Amino acid sequence: MSNRHRVGHMRGAKGRRKRVRIARQQGNRCFYCRTPFADAATEGTFDHYLPYALWPANVVFNLVVACKPCNVRKGDALPLGLLLALRPWLTIDQLEVAA
C-alpha cells in the first residue's frame, strides 16, 4: 500500500493543521499517555485508534494524535478496552492482526 493514501503520513501545512485541530480536541495531550504537547504540529503523530489493518479507512473520528513513543508502542494493536469490547464479533484472523 502506498503511503500517500494514509492520513497518518500527511506532510506539510495541511497535515500540521489537522494534527493541531485534533490535538486541540484532545486537550493538546497525547491520547494514550496524556503527556502535554508543547507544539502538537511537530511533536504529535497521527494514529488510527482502530488499526488501519482492521479498518482501512482514513476517517477523522478514527484518528487521534499521539506522541511518537506511544504510537510506535501501539502499532497495529487494538487498545485493550476496545479489544475486550469487540472480541465477540472479531474473527480469528482479525484477532491475530489485533494482537
Protein backbone atom coordinates (compact mmCIF):
# COMPACT_ATOMS: atom_id res chain seq x y z
CA MET A 1 0.00 0.00 0.00
CA SER A 2 1.25 3.43 -0.85
CA ASN A 3 1.91 5.86 1.98
CA ARG A 4 0.31 8.69 0.04
CA HIS A 5 -3.15 7.22 0.80
CA ARG A 6 -2.67 7.14 4.56
CA VAL A 7 -3.79 10.20 6.52
CA GLY A 8 -1.12 9.45 9.13
CA HIS A 9 1.53 10.23 6.56
CA MET A 10 0.21 13.68 5.62
CA ARG A 11 3.00 16.16 5.33
CA GLY A 12 3.20 19.89 5.03
CA ALA A 13 0.86 22.61 6.22
CA LYS A 14 -2.32 20.54 5.70
CA GLY A 15 -1.09 17.73 7.97
CA ARG A 16 0.13 20.17 10.63
CA ARG A 17 -3.24 21.96 10.71
CA LYS A 18 -5.12 18.67 11.03
CA ARG A 19 -2.81 17.44 13.85
CA VAL A 20 -3.25 20.73 15.72
CA ARG A 21 -7.05 20.61 15.33
CA ILE A 22 -7.32 17.00 16.56
CA ALA A 23 -4.82 17.60 19.39
CA ARG A 24 -6.84 20.64 20.49
CA GLN A 25 -9.94 18.43 20.69
CA GLN A 26 -7.94 16.01 22.89
CA GLY A 27 -6.80 18.76 25.26
CA ASN A 28 -3.44 19.18 23.49
CA ARG A 29 -2.14 15.94 25.03
CA CYS A 30 -1.08 12.51 23.81
CA PHE A 31 -4.19 10.36 23.51
CA TYR A 32 -2.56 7.38 25.29
CA CYS A 33 -0.14 8.68 27.95
CA ARG A 34 -1.75 12.14 28.37
CA THR A 35 1.65 13.91 28.15
CA PRO A 36 1.07 17.53 27.10
CA PHE A 37 2.43 18.72 23.76
CA ALA A 38 4.45 21.93 23.64
CA ASP A 39 3.70 22.02 19.90
CA ALA A 40 1.28 19.39 18.58
CA ALA A 41 2.17 20.25 14.98
CA THR A 42 5.72 18.95 15.40
CA GLU A 43 5.55 16.58 18.39
CA GLY A 44 2.30 14.78 17.62
CA THR A 45 1.78 11.93 15.18
CA PHE A 46 -1.45 10.62 13.71
CA ASP A 47 -2.61 7.24 14.94
CA HIS A 48 -5.61 5.23 13.83
CA TYR A 49 -7.46 4.29 17.03
CA LEU A 50 -8.97 1.29 15.28
CA PRO A 51 -5.92 -0.01 13.37
CA TYR A 52 -5.74 0.58 9.65
CA ALA A 53 -5.06 -3.16 9.21
CA LEU A 54 -8.54 -3.93 10.58
CA TRP A 55 -10.42 -1.00 9.09
CA PRO A 56 -8.64 0.54 6.10
CA ALA A 57 -10.36 3.91 6.19
CA ASN A 58 -8.98 7.35 6.90
CA VAL A 59 -11.89 8.96 8.70
CA VAL A 60 -11.33 11.82 11.12
CA PHE A 61 -13.23 10.23 14.01
CA ASN A 62 -10.81 7.26 13.93
CA LEU A 63 -7.69 9.48 14.12
CA VAL A 64 -6.00 10.50 17.35
CA VAL A 65 -2.79 12.41 17.97
CA ALA A 66 -0.18 10.53 19.97
CA CYS A 67 3.44 11.08 20.91
CA LYS A 68 5.89 9.10 18.81
CA PRO A 69 6.80 6.52 21.52
CA CYS A 70 3.11 5.73 22.22
CA ASN A 71 2.31 5.49 18.51
CA VAL A 72 5.19 3.06 17.90
CA ARG A 73 4.31 1.03 21.02
CA LYS A 74 0.67 0.64 19.96
CA GLY A 75 1.48 -0.30 16.36
CA ASP A 76 -1.39 -2.25 14.77
CA ALA A 77 -2.78 -3.49 18.08
CA LEU A 78 -6.20 -2.59 19.40
CA PRO A 79 -6.32 -0.72 22.69
CA LEU A 80 -7.14 -3.32 25.36
CA GLY A 81 -10.54 -1.88 26.29
CA LEU A 82 -11.67 -1.84 22.68
CA LEU A 83 -10.30 -5.34 22.07
CA LEU A 84 -12.26 -6.72 25.02
CA ALA A 85 -15.43 -4.96 23.89
CA LEU A 86 -15.15 -6.17 20.27
CA ARG A 87 -13.85 -9.68 20.94
CA PRO A 88 -17.19 -11.48 20.49
CA TRP A 89 -17.56 -10.06 16.97
CA LEU A 90 -13.99 -10.41 15.68
CA THR A 91 -12.85 -13.41 13.64
CA ILE A 92 -9.71 -15.40 14.48
CA ASP A 93 -7.82 -13.68 11.63
CA GLN A 94 -8.80 -10.24 12.89
CA LEU A 95 -7.75 -11.13 16.45
CA GLU A 96 -4.32 -12.22 15.16
CA VAL A 97 -3.87 -8.85 13.45
CA ALA A 98 -5.02 -7.04 16.60
CA ALA A 99 -2.64 -8.89 18.93
